[in-house]
């Protein structure tokens, strides 16, 4: 298969998962070595992430590449006895990134040092950055984390228009949140942040509200498990009203945020008027009767619109229970379907 790839092709998408566990086998190195040298777009969907796979791909990345999707869908199951991550291979990928790269979509398991090095190595030509990183090796005790400053470097590019960050296992503190959120480019058009389970409370909500760019057409925030009071939610909704005033699409995942009646009213009133698509999930909260009525009215308005849903406890909107991955995937699936119709 690898030897049969025409050298003249400019775009290649290969899903090398499947029951044979092709990713992680010698076959991946064989396939990678035959990647055409003139590629402009490359997407590889692979199984379990390891340094060997990343180095196999990094060694053959064409210099002509403008778009790279490298997605490792398997997750290390440490609770089943998987060995701890010692080397993530991101140093090799960082050194091999093409200088004309405009879009990078990366899903890997890595360490803080490797993630920071990759972000610092990104070329200034990047316009679209999508990082789904599961941090398995935090910074050594007593040393500063490298990822926050690496992200600051990556977000300083004048061409960056789309930024999506999902940082699993990263111990977000108010100090690191200030470093990263205050560096969000003011000219972003598409922003997606997954900050699930970060217990930074009202102070974190205030910082996020102040940091959101004002030119957004697409905004997605996953804040599951944030312990917000009504005051914190009021601050956040004010920030949303400003940053998403001209937005076409808004996704807010707020399950488990202890939203009460006042917070529910604030949310219902804060939804921008010009939205085309709204995705809102508020489960495992306690808005009581008055707040529930406001949210139910919002759900009735939006759940009949293509691509939109408002999910509350018990309303079953959009097909029932969804996990983090599924709800994020719905965002991309809707964008793909819209592009195909257009």
Protein backbone atom coordinates (compact mmCIF):
# COMPACT_ATOMS: atom_id res chain seq x y z
CA UNK A 1 0.00 0.00 0.00
CA UNK A 2 2.73 2.46 0.94
CA UNK A 3 4.75 1.79 -2.21
CA UNK A 4 1.64 2.24 -4.36
CA UNK A 5 1.01 5.84 -3.25
CA UNK A 6 1.43 8.12 -6.29
CA UNK A 7 4.29 10.58 -5.68
CA UNK A 8 2.25 13.36 -7.30
CA UNK A 9 -0.59 13.47 -4.72
CA UNK A 10 -0.84 16.60 -2.57
CA UNK A 11 -3.39 15.45 0.04
CA UNK A 12 -3.46 12.19 2.01
CA UNK A 13 -5.79 11.01 4.79
CA UNK A 14 -5.11 7.56 6.27
CA UNK A 15 -6.94 5.89 9.13
CA UNK A 16 -4.46 3.30 10.40
CA UNK A 17 -6.41 2.14 13.42
CA UNK A 18 -8.41 -1.10 13.32
CA UNK A 19 -8.15 -4.48 14.98
CA UNK A 20 -4.65 -5.19 13.74
CA UNK A 21 -3.18 -2.40 15.87
CA UNK A 22 -1.24 -1.09 12.88
CA UNK A 23 -0.19 1.88 14.97
CA UNK A 24 2.60 0.67 17.21
CA UNK A 25 3.78 -1.98 14.79
CA UNK A 26 6.70 -1.94 12.35
CA UNK A 27 4.10 -1.42 9.62
CA UNK A 28 3.64 2.22 10.68
CA UNK A 29 7.30 3.00 10.04
CA UNK A 30 7.04 1.25 6.66
CA UNK A 31 3.97 3.28 5.73
CA UNK A 32 5.44 6.56 6.94
CA UNK A 33 8.60 6.10 4.90
CA UNK A 34 6.53 6.12 1.69
CA UNK A 35 4.64 9.36 2.37
CA UNK A 36 4.91 11.44 -0.83
CA UNK A 37 7.39 14.29 -0.50
CA UNK A 38 5.17 16.89 -2.17
CA UNK A 39 2.19 16.65 0.20
CA UNK A 40 0.37 19.81 1.19
CA UNK A 41 -2.20 18.17 3.53
CA UNK A 42 -1.68 15.08 5.67
CA UNK A 43 -4.04 13.41 8.16
CA UNK A 44 -3.12 10.28 10.11
CA UNK A 45 -5.51 8.60 12.56
CA UNK A 46 -3.59 6.17 14.73
CA UNK A 47 -4.05 3.94 17.76
CA UNK A 48 -1.98 4.04 20.93
CA UNK A 49 0.41 6.96 21.25
CA UNK A 50 4.11 6.36 21.87
CA UNK A 51 7.41 8.10 21.16
CA UNK A 52 8.24 5.57 18.43
CA UNK A 53 5.12 6.34 16.40
CA UNK A 54 5.63 10.10 16.71
CA UNK A 55 9.26 9.81 15.65
CA UNK A 56 8.31 7.59 12.71
CA UNK A 57 6.01 10.30 11.41
CA UNK A 58 8.28 13.22 12.30
CA UNK A 59 11.17 11.74 10.32
CA UNK A 60 9.26 11.90 7.03
CA UNK A 61 7.16 15.08 7.24
CA UNK A 62 7.36 16.86 3.86
CA UNK A 63 8.71 20.41 3.92
CA UNK A 64 5.82 21.40 1.63
CA UNK A 65 3.19 20.52 4.25
CA UNK A 66 0.71 23.27 5.11
CA UNK A 67 -1.83 21.19 7.05
CA UNK A 68 -1.06 18.36 9.48
CA UNK A 69 -3.58 16.29 11.46
CA UNK A 70 -1.89 13.75 13.74
CA UNK A 71 -4.48 12.06 15.95
CA UNK A 72 -3.77 9.25 18.41
CA UNK A 73 -7.18 8.00 19.52
CA UNK A 74 -6.08 5.41 22.07
CA UNK A 75 -5.56 6.38 25.69
CA UNK A 76 -3.05 4.89 28.11
CA UNK A 77 -4.90 2.93 30.81
CA UNK A 78 -2.63 3.43 33.80
CA UNK A 79 -5.19 1.86 36.11
CA UNK A 80 -4.82 -1.38 34.14
CA UNK A 81 -1.10 -1.49 34.71
CA UNK A 82 0.16 0.39 31.64
CA UNK A 83 3.76 1.55 32.19
CA UNK A 84 4.21 5.24 32.96
CA UNK A 85 5.15 7.55 30.12
CA UNK A 86 8.90 8.21 30.07
CA UNK A 87 9.43 9.74 26.62
CA UNK A 88 6.76 11.39 24.47
CA UNK A 89 8.73 11.94 21.24
CA UNK A 90 7.47 15.51 20.85
CA UNK A 91 11.04 16.84 20.69
CA UNK A 92 11.42 15.08 17.32
CA UNK A 93 8.07 16.40 16.07
CA UNK A 94 8.96 19.93 17.19
CA UNK A 95 12.22 19.81 15.26
CA UNK A 96 10.50 18.45 12.12
CA UNK A 97 7.58 20.88 11.82
CA UNK A 98 7.49 22.33 8.28
CA UNK A 99 8.26 26.05 8.13
CA UNK A 100 5.21 26.80 5.96
CA UNK A 101 2.69 25.00 8.22
CA UNK A 102 -0.65 26.82 8.47
CA UNK A 103 -2.81 24.31 10.34
CA UNK A 104 -1.87 21.82 13.07
CA UNK A 105 -4.35 19.42 14.67
CA UNK A 106 -2.67 17.23 17.26
CA UNK A 107 -4.04 14.68 19.73
CA UNK A 108 -1.35 13.00 21.81
CA UNK A 109 -0.36 11.87 25.26
CA UNK A 110 2.71 13.76 26.36
CA UNK A 111 4.73 15.43 29.08
CA UNK A 112 4.80 19.07 30.11
CA UNK A 113 8.30 19.51 28.67
CA UNK A 114 7.45 18.00 25.29
CA UNK A 115 4.24 20.03 24.99
CA UNK A 116 6.08 23.23 25.85
CA UNK A 117 8.85 22.48 23.32
CA UNK A 118 6.32 21.78 20.58
CA UNK A 119 4.48 25.06 21.19
CA UNK A 120 7.74 27.01 21.15
CA UNK A 121 8.73 25.38 17.84
CA UNK A 122 5.54 26.30 15.96
CA UNK A 123 6.26 28.41 12.88
CA UNK A 124 4.79 31.91 12.70
CA UNK A 125 2.76 30.88 9.63
CA UNK A 126 0.23 28.91 11.75
CA UNK A 127 -3.33 30.20 11.34
CA UNK A 128 -5.26 27.29 12.88
CA UNK A 129 -4.03 25.51 16.02
CA UNK A 130 -5.92 22.60 17.60
CA UNK A 131 -4.15 20.90 20.52
CA UNK A 132 -5.75 18.00 22.40
CA UNK A 133 -3.04 17.10 24.89
CA UNK A 134 -3.24 14.60 27.73
CA UNK A 135 -0.45 15.56 30.10
CA UNK A 136 0.93 12.38 31.68
CA UNK A 137 4.31 13.78 32.77
CA UNK A 138 3.91 17.04 34.72
CA UNK A 139 6.82 19.35 35.35
CA UNK A 140 9.20 17.99 38.01
CA UNK A 141 8.47 19.20 41.52
CA UNK A 142 10.12 22.54 42.18
CA UNK A 143 10.51 23.51 38.51
CA UNK A 144 8.15 25.80 36.55
CA UNK A 145 5.81 24.22 34.04
CA UNK A 146 6.89 24.78 30.43
CA UNK A 147 3.48 24.47 28.77
CA UNK A 148 2.05 27.88 29.83
CA UNK A 149 4.96 29.87 28.37
CA UNK A 150 4.95 27.63 25.30
CA UNK A 151 1.28 28.48 24.70
CA UNK A 152 2.04 32.18 25.12
CA UNK A 153 4.64 31.85 22.35
CA UNK A 154 2.17 30.00 20.09
CA UNK A 155 -0.56 32.58 20.63
CA UNK A 156 1.67 35.52 19.76
CA UNK A 157 1.50 34.83 16.00
CA UNK A 158 -0.24 37.58 14.05
CA UNK A 159 -1.76 35.07 11.60
CA UNK A 160 -3.52 32.94 14.25
CA UNK A 161 -7.29 33.03 13.67
CA UNK A 162 -8.50 29.73 15.17
CA UNK A 163 -7.41 28.25 18.51
CA UNK A 164 -8.68 25.09 20.16
CA UNK A 165 -7.14 23.86 23.40
CA UNK A 166 -8.04 20.75 25.35
CA UNK A 167 -5.51 20.10 28.09
CA UNK A 168 -6.36 16.95 30.04
CA UNK A 169 -4.38 16.31 33.20
CA UNK A 170 -2.93 19.82 33.32
CA UNK A 171 -3.17 21.17 36.87
CA UNK A 172 -4.50 24.63 36.09
CA UNK A 173 -3.88 27.18 38.84
CA UNK A 174 -4.86 30.84 38.90
CA UNK A 175 -1.22 31.72 38.27
CA UNK A 176 -0.97 29.59 35.12
CA UNK A 177 -4.48 30.63 34.04
CA UNK A 178 -3.40 34.29 34.13
CA UNK A 179 -0.37 33.50 31.98
CA UNK A 180 -2.36 31.62 29.33
CA UNK A 181 -5.71 33.42 29.26
CA UNK A 182 -4.23 36.90 29.26
CA UNK A 183 -2.27 35.94 26.13
CA UNK A 184 -5.36 35.02 24.07
CA UNK A 185 -5.09 36.96 20.78
CA UNK A 186 -7.64 39.73 20.52
CA UNK A 187 -8.15 39.04 16.79
CA UNK A 188 -9.20 35.38 17.10
CA UNK A 189 -12.29 34.38 15.15
CA UNK A 190 -12.70 30.79 16.42
CA UNK A 191 -11.93 29.86 20.05
CA UNK A 192 -12.58 26.54 21.78
CA UNK A 193 -11.37 25.93 25.32
CA UNK A 194 -11.87 22.81 27.42
CA UNK A 195 -11.15 23.69 31.06
CA UNK A 196 -13.19 20.91 32.62
CA UNK A 197 -12.91 20.35 36.35
CA UNK A 198 -10.61 23.28 37.08
CA UNK A 199 -11.53 24.54 40.52
CA UNK A 200 -10.67 28.21 39.96
CA UNK A 201 -14.16 29.39 40.89
CA UNK A 202 -15.39 32.97 40.52
CA UNK A 203 -11.86 34.38 40.14
CA UNK A 204 -11.30 32.07 37.19
CA UNK A 205 -14.63 33.09 35.66
CA UNK A 206 -13.72 36.77 36.00
CA UNK A 207 -10.31 36.20 34.39
CA UNK A 208 -11.86 34.24 31.53
CA UNK A 209 -14.50 36.90 30.92
CA UNK A 210 -11.87 39.64 30.77
CA UNK A 211 -9.65 37.63 28.42
CA UNK A 212 -12.16 36.56 25.76
CA UNK A 213 -11.48 38.16 22.35
CA UNK A 214 -14.15 40.50 20.98
CA UNK A 215 -14.03 39.41 17.32
CA UNK A 216 -15.29 35.83 17.70
CA UNK A 217 -17.61 34.18 15.22
CA UNK A 218 -17.32 30.75 16.92
CA UNK A 219 -16.90 30.19 20.66
CA UNK A 220 -16.94 26.95 22.64
CA UNK A 221 -16.27 26.74 26.37
CA UNK A 222 -16.30 23.54 28.39
CA UNK A 223 -16.33 24.48 32.07
CA UNK A 224 -17.80 21.31 33.57
CA UNK A 225 -17.41 21.10 37.32
CA UNK A 226 -16.47 24.74 37.90
CA UNK A 227 -17.76 25.80 41.29
CA UNK A 228 -19.39 29.11 40.39
CA UNK A 229 -21.57 31.34 42.51
CA UNK A 230 -24.20 33.54 40.89
CA UNK A 231 -21.71 36.44 41.09
CA UNK A 232 -19.13 34.47 39.12
CA UNK A 233 -21.70 33.41 36.55
CA UNK A 234 -22.89 37.01 36.18
CA UNK A 235 -19.32 38.10 35.42
CA UNK A 236 -18.91 35.29 32.91
CA UNK A 237 -22.17 36.04 31.11
CA UNK A 238 -21.21 39.72 30.78
CA UNK A 239 -17.99 38.64 29.12
CA UNK A 240 -19.90 36.30 26.83
CA UNK A 241 -22.33 39.03 25.85
CA UNK A 242 -19.41 41.16 24.67
CA UNK A 243 -17.16 38.52 23.06
CA UNK A 244 -19.98 36.62 21.35
CA UNK A 245 -22.09 39.62 20.36
CA UNK A 246 -21.47 38.91 16.67
CA UNK A 247 -20.93 35.16 17.00
CA UNK A 248 -22.61 32.73 14.65
CA UNK A 249 -22.11 29.71 16.89
CA UNK A 250 -21.83 29.30 20.67
CA UNK A 251 -21.24 26.15 22.72
CA UNK A 252 -21.32 26.21 26.54
CA UNK A 253 -20.90 23.00 28.54
CA UNK A 254 -21.68 23.84 32.17
CA UNK A 255 -22.81 20.55 33.70
CA UNK A 256 -22.03 20.21 37.40
CA UNK A 257 -21.47 23.93 37.91
CA UNK A 258 -24.07 24.29 40.70
CA UNK A 259 -26.10 26.83 38.76
CA UNK A 260 -28.97 28.22 40.83
CA UNK A 261 -32.13 30.16 39.88
CA UNK A 262 -30.37 33.52 39.49
CA UNK A 263 -27.62 31.97 37.39
CA UNK A 264 -30.16 30.21 35.18
CA UNK A 265 -31.95 33.50 34.53
CA UNK A 266 -28.64 35.20 33.71
CA UNK A 267 -27.72 32.49 31.23
CA UNK A 268 -31.09 32.55 29.51
CA UNK A 269 -30.91 36.34 29.10
CA UNK A 270 -27.26 36.40 27.99
CA UNK A 271 -27.58 34.41 24.77
CA UNK A 272 -26.60 36.67 21.84
CA UNK A 273 -29.43 37.61 19.50
CA UNK A 274 -27.48 37.02 16.26
CA UNK A 275 -26.59 33.38 16.93
CA UNK A 276 -27.24 30.83 14.21
CA UNK A 277 -26.43 27.78 16.36
CA UNK A 278 -26.51 27.34 20.15
CA UNK A 279 -25.26 24.29 22.06
CA UNK A 280 -25.84 24.56 25.81
CA UNK A 281 -25.57 21.75 28.36
CA UNK A 282 -26.56 22.39 31.98
CA UNK A 283 -26.94 19.08 33.76
CA UNK A 284 -26.29 18.10 37.36
CA UNK A 285 -27.28 21.58 38.51
CA UNK A 286 -30.11 22.87 40.71
CA UNK A 287 -31.79 25.91 39.12
CA UNK A 288 -35.08 25.31 41.00
CA UNK A 289 -38.45 26.07 39.48
CA UNK A 290 -37.96 29.68 38.37
CA UNK A 291 -34.56 29.08 36.80
CA UNK A 292 -35.78 25.87 35.21
CA UNK A 293 -38.60 27.75 33.53
CA UNK A 294 -36.18 30.24 31.97
CA UNK A 295 -33.93 27.47 30.69
CA UNK A 296 -36.87 25.41 29.46
CA UNK A 297 -38.07 28.38 27.45
CA UNK A 298 -34.59 28.68 25.97
CA UNK A 299 -34.61 24.96 25.12
CA UNK A 300 -37.99 25.22 23.38
CA UNK A 301 -36.68 28.07 21.26
CA UNK A 302 -33.45 26.38 20.15
CA UNK A 303 -34.01 22.61 20.08
CA UNK A 304 -35.97 22.79 16.84
CA UNK A 305 -33.17 24.57 14.97
CA UNK A 306 -30.66 22.57 12.87
CA UNK A 307 -27.47 21.84 14.77
CA UNK A 308 -28.71 23.45 18.00
CA UNK A 309 -29.56 21.87 21.33
CA UNK A 310 -30.12 22.89 24.94
CA UNK A 311 -29.66 19.92 27.28
CA UNK A 312 -31.11 20.05 30.76
CA UNK A 313 -31.62 17.31 33.32
CA UNK A 314 -34.41 15.14 31.97
CA UNK A 315 -35.26 16.94 28.72
CA UNK A 316 -33.39 14.45 26.51
CA UNK A 317 -32.51 17.11 23.95
CA UNK A 318 -30.25 16.05 21.14
CA UNK A 319 -30.27 12.34 21.86
CA UNK A 320 -29.69 11.91 25.58
CA UNK A 321 -26.49 11.74 27.60
CA UNK A 322 -23.19 12.71 25.98
CA UNK A 323 -19.63 12.68 27.21
CA UNK A 324 -16.94 15.30 26.59
CA UNK A 325 -15.59 13.69 23.40
CA UNK A 326 -19.04 13.25 21.86
CA UNK A 327 -20.11 16.85 22.43
CA UNK A 328 -16.86 18.22 21.03
CA UNK A 329 -17.22 15.90 18.03
CA UNK A 330 -20.70 17.27 17.34
CA UNK A 331 -19.17 20.71 16.78
CA UNK A 332 -16.90 19.42 14.01
CA UNK A 333 -19.58 17.16 12.52
CA UNK A 334 -21.96 20.12 12.18
CA UNK A 335 -19.25 22.27 10.56
CA UNK A 336 -18.45 19.47 8.11
CA UNK A 337 -22.10 18.92 7.22
CA UNK A 338 -22.65 22.67 6.74
CA UNK A 339 -19.60 22.89 4.45
CA UNK A 340 -20.85 19.93 2.38
CA UNK A 341 -24.30 21.51 1.94
CA UNK A 342 -22.69 24.83 0.95
